[in-house]
Structure formats: C-alpha cells, structure tokens
Amino acid sequence: MAESGVSEGSESLRLYEAQFFGFTPETCTLRVGDAFRDSLNHILVAVESVFVKRLCPGQDPPAQLRLAARESTQKLRQFLQERFEIMFQRMKGMLMDRVLSIPRNVLLPDDQLHQKYPEGKEELMKLQDSIAKLLQAYQAEVCAKQVLLAELEEQKETQKQLDEVLQWIEELRLSWRREGMGNFQDGIRHMMDTVGQLQDVLGKINKRNKGLDEV
C-alpha cells in the first residue's frame, strides 16, 4: 500500500488495517476459525453423548460402546475439520479482501495531514533546529530582562539616596539663611555635621555605582 504509507515488508501484516480497526485482519480471521473449531468440538461431544444414551436408555453404557462412540466421533471430527479448512480458507480470503481491508486509494484521517504537508526527514530536522534556536534566543532574552530589572532596582535605590542628599543640601541652605553670619560658630558646627552626613551618603552612592559597573 504505497498510497497508504505501508511498506511492502508490512503488506502481509496489513498494518494499515490494524491502525484503523485496532487489530490485524490475520488475528481476527484466526480467532473466527478457532471459534468455529471450538463450536464444532462442543457439538460433536454433545451428539456423542446423546447417541450413547439413546443406545443404552436407563443404564450405564458399557466401556466398549463408549470407546466405539469416541472413535466414531474422532473420525467424524477429522472429516468435518478437513472440509471446514477448505471452506475457512475461502471465507478468510473473502473477509481479508472485502471486509477487513482498506482500499489502496483511501487515506486514514490521521495520515491526511502527512499527505497535505509531505515534509521529509530533512525538513523535520530543520524545523527542530529552528525551534531550538528560538528557544535559546527566548531564554537569553529572559536572562537579559532579569539583569535589566536588577539594574532598575539599583537605580531606584541610588535615586532615593540622591533625593536625600538634595534634601539635606536644602536644609543646610535654609539653616544658613536662618542663622546668618552673626552666629558663625553654630553655623560651622551645623555645617560640619551636615558634611559628615553627606560623606556617609556619598560613600554609599560610590559603592552602589561600583556594583552597577561590575554588573
């Protein structure tokens, strides 16, 4: 079944039919044959029992009669099985060709997509390689985004410290304006305290900037 995507090696197994039915046609026909054989054996045993009872009504049949009946049953079974095998081969061929087969020009729904887009192995490998590259690019973008977010947090912290410096400078300016030159010693002392605070803040800012440069 070239059209069905089944190789010649699997033709005898009818794998395409097995994909559709859920079982191989060969297995199905074998089970049908076994069912007929089992039924035949049960029928012959029942017929043998009836004949033996009819020949000896109301009493136990002698061993010689049972043996003769069993031999006759075996001969009948062999005769019927030979005829059955001939008929079964015909029935099997009919089932395999007309019932349990998919025409060569029929494509199952699961395989219609392959017919519409018949990409080969090379195309599939290219597609997989492209997907892998896109995944790597996406992961790189995620890492870069995380780095940028970390830098943004650092910048926010630095901006907060700069705002504090500006606030202290404004307080210093207002203090000098309030004190004036008449209270010089107090102004100097207040300025020295403020300068000390500014130095601490500037030291923290420098450490932050070094951390950003290393990133």
Protein backbone atom coordinates (compact mmCIF):
# COMPACT_ATOMS: atom_id res chain seq x y z
CA MET A 1 0.00 0.00 0.00
CA ALA A 2 2.22 2.74 -1.24
CA GLU A 3 -0.57 5.27 -1.15
CA SER A 4 -1.44 4.32 2.41
CA GLY A 5 2.10 4.71 3.65
CA VAL A 6 2.64 0.97 4.28
CA SER A 7 5.87 -0.63 3.10
CA GLU A 8 5.98 -3.86 1.12
CA GLY A 9 7.53 -5.68 4.08
CA SER A 10 4.47 -4.95 6.20
CA GLU A 11 1.99 -5.69 3.40
CA SER A 12 1.34 -9.23 4.63
CA LEU A 13 0.70 -7.95 8.14
CA ARG A 14 -1.76 -5.33 6.88
CA LEU A 15 -0.54 -2.80 9.43
CA TYR A 16 -2.59 -0.02 7.89
CA GLU A 17 -5.78 -2.00 8.51
CA ALA A 18 -4.58 -2.73 12.04
CA GLN A 19 -4.14 1.02 12.57
CA PHE A 20 -7.77 1.56 11.58
CA PHE A 21 -9.51 -1.47 13.14
CA GLY A 22 -7.35 -1.80 16.23
CA PHE A 23 -6.38 -5.40 15.36
CA THR A 24 -4.71 -7.18 12.45
CA PRO A 25 -7.03 -8.90 9.94
CA GLU A 26 -4.94 -12.08 10.28
CA THR A 27 -5.58 -12.19 14.03
CA CYS A 28 -9.29 -11.61 13.51
CA THR A 29 -9.70 -14.42 10.98
CA LEU A 30 -7.67 -16.81 13.14
CA ARG A 31 -9.95 -16.13 16.08
CA VAL A 32 -13.02 -16.68 13.91
CA GLY A 33 -11.60 -20.02 12.79
CA ASP A 34 -10.80 -21.03 16.36
CA ALA A 35 -14.33 -20.14 17.42
CA PHE A 36 -15.78 -22.39 14.68
CA ARG A 37 -13.48 -25.26 15.66
CA ASP A 38 -14.39 -24.94 19.34
CA SER A 39 -18.09 -24.92 18.48
CA LEU A 40 -17.65 -27.98 16.28
CA ASN A 41 -15.92 -29.89 19.08
CA HIS A 42 -18.63 -29.00 21.60
CA ILE A 43 -21.37 -30.06 19.17
CA LEU A 44 -19.71 -33.41 18.40
CA VAL A 45 -19.24 -34.19 22.09
CA ALA A 46 -22.90 -33.37 22.76
CA VAL A 47 -24.06 -35.52 19.81
CA GLU A 48 -21.88 -38.42 21.00
CA SER A 49 -23.40 -38.22 24.48
CA VAL A 50 -26.94 -38.22 23.08
CA PHE A 51 -26.32 -41.26 20.86
CA VAL A 52 -24.74 -43.25 23.68
CA LYS A 53 -27.70 -42.53 25.97
CA ARG A 54 -30.16 -43.48 23.23
CA LEU A 55 -28.40 -46.81 22.68
CA CYS A 56 -28.46 -47.64 26.41
CA PRO A 57 -31.56 -46.00 27.85
CA GLY A 58 -31.84 -46.11 31.63
CA GLN A 59 -28.47 -47.79 32.24
CA ASP A 60 -24.78 -47.05 32.14
CA PRO A 61 -23.30 -47.67 28.69
CA PRO A 62 -20.59 -50.33 28.53
CA ALA A 63 -16.98 -49.29 28.04
CA GLN A 64 -16.83 -50.91 24.61
CA LEU A 65 -19.77 -48.79 23.44
CA ARG A 66 -18.22 -45.60 24.77
CA LEU A 67 -14.93 -46.45 23.06
CA ALA A 68 -16.64 -47.15 19.75
CA ALA A 69 -18.62 -43.91 20.03
CA ARG A 70 -15.46 -41.93 20.74
CA GLU A 71 -13.67 -43.45 17.73
CA SER A 72 -16.62 -42.62 15.51
CA THR A 73 -16.69 -39.07 16.86
CA GLN A 74 -12.98 -38.61 16.12
CA LYS A 75 -13.41 -39.86 12.55
CA LEU A 76 -16.35 -37.51 12.05
CA ARG A 77 -14.37 -34.63 13.58
CA GLN A 78 -11.45 -35.25 11.24
CA PHE A 79 -13.75 -35.39 8.23
CA LEU A 80 -15.60 -32.20 9.19
CA GLN A 81 -12.37 -30.34 10.01
CA GLU A 82 -10.90 -31.16 6.61
CA ARG A 83 -14.00 -29.81 4.91
CA PHE A 84 -14.08 -26.85 7.26
CA GLU A 85 -10.47 -25.89 6.50
CA ILE A 86 -11.29 -25.72 2.79
CA MET A 87 -14.34 -23.56 3.44
CA PHE A 88 -12.49 -21.47 6.00
CA GLN A 89 -9.73 -20.56 3.56
CA ARG A 90 -12.36 -19.26 1.15
CA MET A 91 -14.14 -17.39 3.93
CA LYS A 92 -10.83 -15.98 5.18
CA GLY A 93 -9.93 -14.68 1.73
CA MET A 94 -13.33 -13.03 1.41
CA LEU A 95 -13.04 -11.39 4.83
CA MET A 96 -9.49 -10.20 4.19
CA ASP A 97 -10.26 -8.75 0.76
CA ARG A 98 -13.80 -7.42 1.14
CA VAL A 99 -14.33 -6.70 4.84
CA LEU A 100 -11.04 -6.27 6.69
CA SER A 101 -9.17 -4.29 4.05
CA ILE A 102 -8.74 -0.61 3.21
CA PRO A 103 -8.64 0.35 -0.48
CA ARG A 104 -5.26 1.48 -1.76
CA ASN A 105 -6.56 4.93 -2.67
CA VAL A 106 -8.05 5.58 0.80
CA LEU A 107 -6.09 7.59 3.35
CA LEU A 108 -6.97 7.49 7.03
CA PRO A 109 -7.80 10.82 8.74
CA ASP A 110 -4.66 10.59 10.88
CA ASP A 111 -2.49 10.45 7.75
CA GLN A 112 -4.23 13.11 5.68
CA LEU A 113 -2.07 15.81 7.24
CA HIS A 114 1.06 14.00 6.02
CA GLN A 115 -0.33 13.94 2.51
CA LYS A 116 -1.14 17.65 2.63
CA TYR A 117 2.26 18.59 4.07
CA PRO A 118 4.70 15.90 2.85
CA GLU A 119 7.81 17.25 4.58
CA GLY A 120 10.64 14.76 4.68
CA LYS A 121 13.08 13.95 7.41
CA GLU A 122 15.39 16.78 6.37
CA GLU A 123 12.61 19.35 6.65
CA LEU A 124 11.68 17.99 10.06
CA MET A 125 15.28 18.32 11.27
CA LYS A 126 15.42 21.91 10.01
CA LEU A 127 12.21 22.70 11.84
CA GLN A 128 13.51 21.15 15.06
CA ASP A 129 16.77 23.11 14.74
CA SER A 130 14.84 26.34 14.20
CA ILE A 131 12.72 25.66 17.28
CA ALA A 132 15.85 25.01 19.35
CA LYS A 133 17.39 28.31 18.23
CA LEU A 134 14.22 30.22 19.03
CA LEU A 135 14.14 28.63 22.47
CA GLN A 136 17.75 29.66 23.11
CA ALA A 137 17.02 33.22 21.98
CA TYR A 138 13.98 33.36 24.24
CA GLN A 139 16.00 32.14 27.23
CA ALA A 140 18.68 34.77 26.50
CA GLU A 141 16.01 37.49 26.40
CA VAL A 142 14.61 36.30 29.72
CA CYS A 143 18.08 36.46 31.32
CA ALA A 144 18.69 39.93 29.89
CA LYS A 145 15.32 41.09 31.21
CA GLN A 146 16.19 39.85 34.68
CA VAL A 147 19.51 41.74 34.58
CA LEU A 148 17.75 44.94 33.48
CA LEU A 149 15.20 44.61 36.26
CA ALA A 150 18.00 44.21 38.80
CA GLU A 151 19.76 47.31 37.44
CA LEU A 152 16.48 49.23 37.58
CA GLU A 153 16.10 48.38 41.25
CA GLU A 154 19.67 49.57 41.88
CA GLN A 155 18.96 52.82 40.05
CA LYS A 156 15.82 53.37 42.10
CA GLU A 157 17.82 52.95 45.29
CA THR A 158 20.50 55.35 44.02
CA GLN A 159 17.87 57.91 43.05
CA LYS A 160 16.39 57.66 46.52
CA GLN A 161 19.77 58.39 48.08
CA LEU A 162 20.35 61.33 45.72
CA ASP A 163 16.98 62.76 46.72
CA GLU A 164 18.06 62.52 50.35
CA VAL A 165 21.29 64.42 49.51
CA LEU A 166 19.32 67.17 47.81
CA GLN A 167 17.02 67.38 50.80
CA TRP A 168 20.00 67.75 53.16
CA ILE A 169 21.51 70.43 50.95
CA GLU A 170 18.24 72.32 51.02
CA GLU A 171 18.11 72.03 54.80
CA LEU A 172 21.69 73.35 55.00
CA ARG A 173 20.82 76.33 52.82
CA LEU A 174 17.77 77.12 54.91
CA SER A 175 19.82 76.78 58.09
CA TRP A 176 22.41 79.29 56.89
CA ARG A 177 19.65 81.63 55.88
CA ARG A 178 18.03 81.40 59.30
CA GLU A 179 21.28 81.65 61.28
CA GLY A 180 23.01 84.31 59.16
CA MET A 181 26.64 85.33 59.63
CA GLY A 182 26.04 86.56 63.24
CA ASN A 183 26.02 83.01 64.64
CA PHE A 184 29.06 81.78 62.75
CA GLN A 185 30.22 79.07 65.19
CA ASP A 186 26.82 77.43 65.36
CA GLY A 187 26.57 77.59 61.57
CA ILE A 188 30.01 75.98 61.16
CA ARG A 189 29.16 73.27 63.65
CA HIS A 190 25.87 72.56 61.92
CA MET A 191 27.62 72.57 58.54
CA MET A 192 30.26 70.09 59.75
CA ASP A 193 27.57 67.76 60.99
CA THR A 194 25.81 68.00 57.66
CA VAL A 195 29.05 67.46 55.73
CA GLY A 196 29.69 64.31 57.75
CA GLN A 197 26.26 63.04 56.83
CA LEU A 198 26.90 63.93 53.19
CA GLN A 199 30.16 61.99 53.20
CA ASP A 200 28.41 58.91 54.52
CA VAL A 201 25.76 59.17 51.84
CA LEU A 202 28.34 59.75 49.09
CA GLY A 203 30.27 56.70 50.26
CA LYS A 204 27.15 54.57 49.94
CA ILE A 205 26.49 56.01 46.49
CA ASN A 206 30.02 55.19 45.34
CA LYS A 207 29.61 51.60 46.50
CA ARG A 208 26.35 51.36 44.60
CA ASN A 209 27.95 52.76 41.45
CA LYS A 210 30.82 50.25 41.67
CA GLY A 211 28.28 47.46 41.96
CA LEU A 212 26.49 48.72 38.83
CA ASP A 213 29.77 48.93 36.89
CA GLU A 214 30.61 45.34 37.77
CA VAL A 215 27.18 44.19 36.51
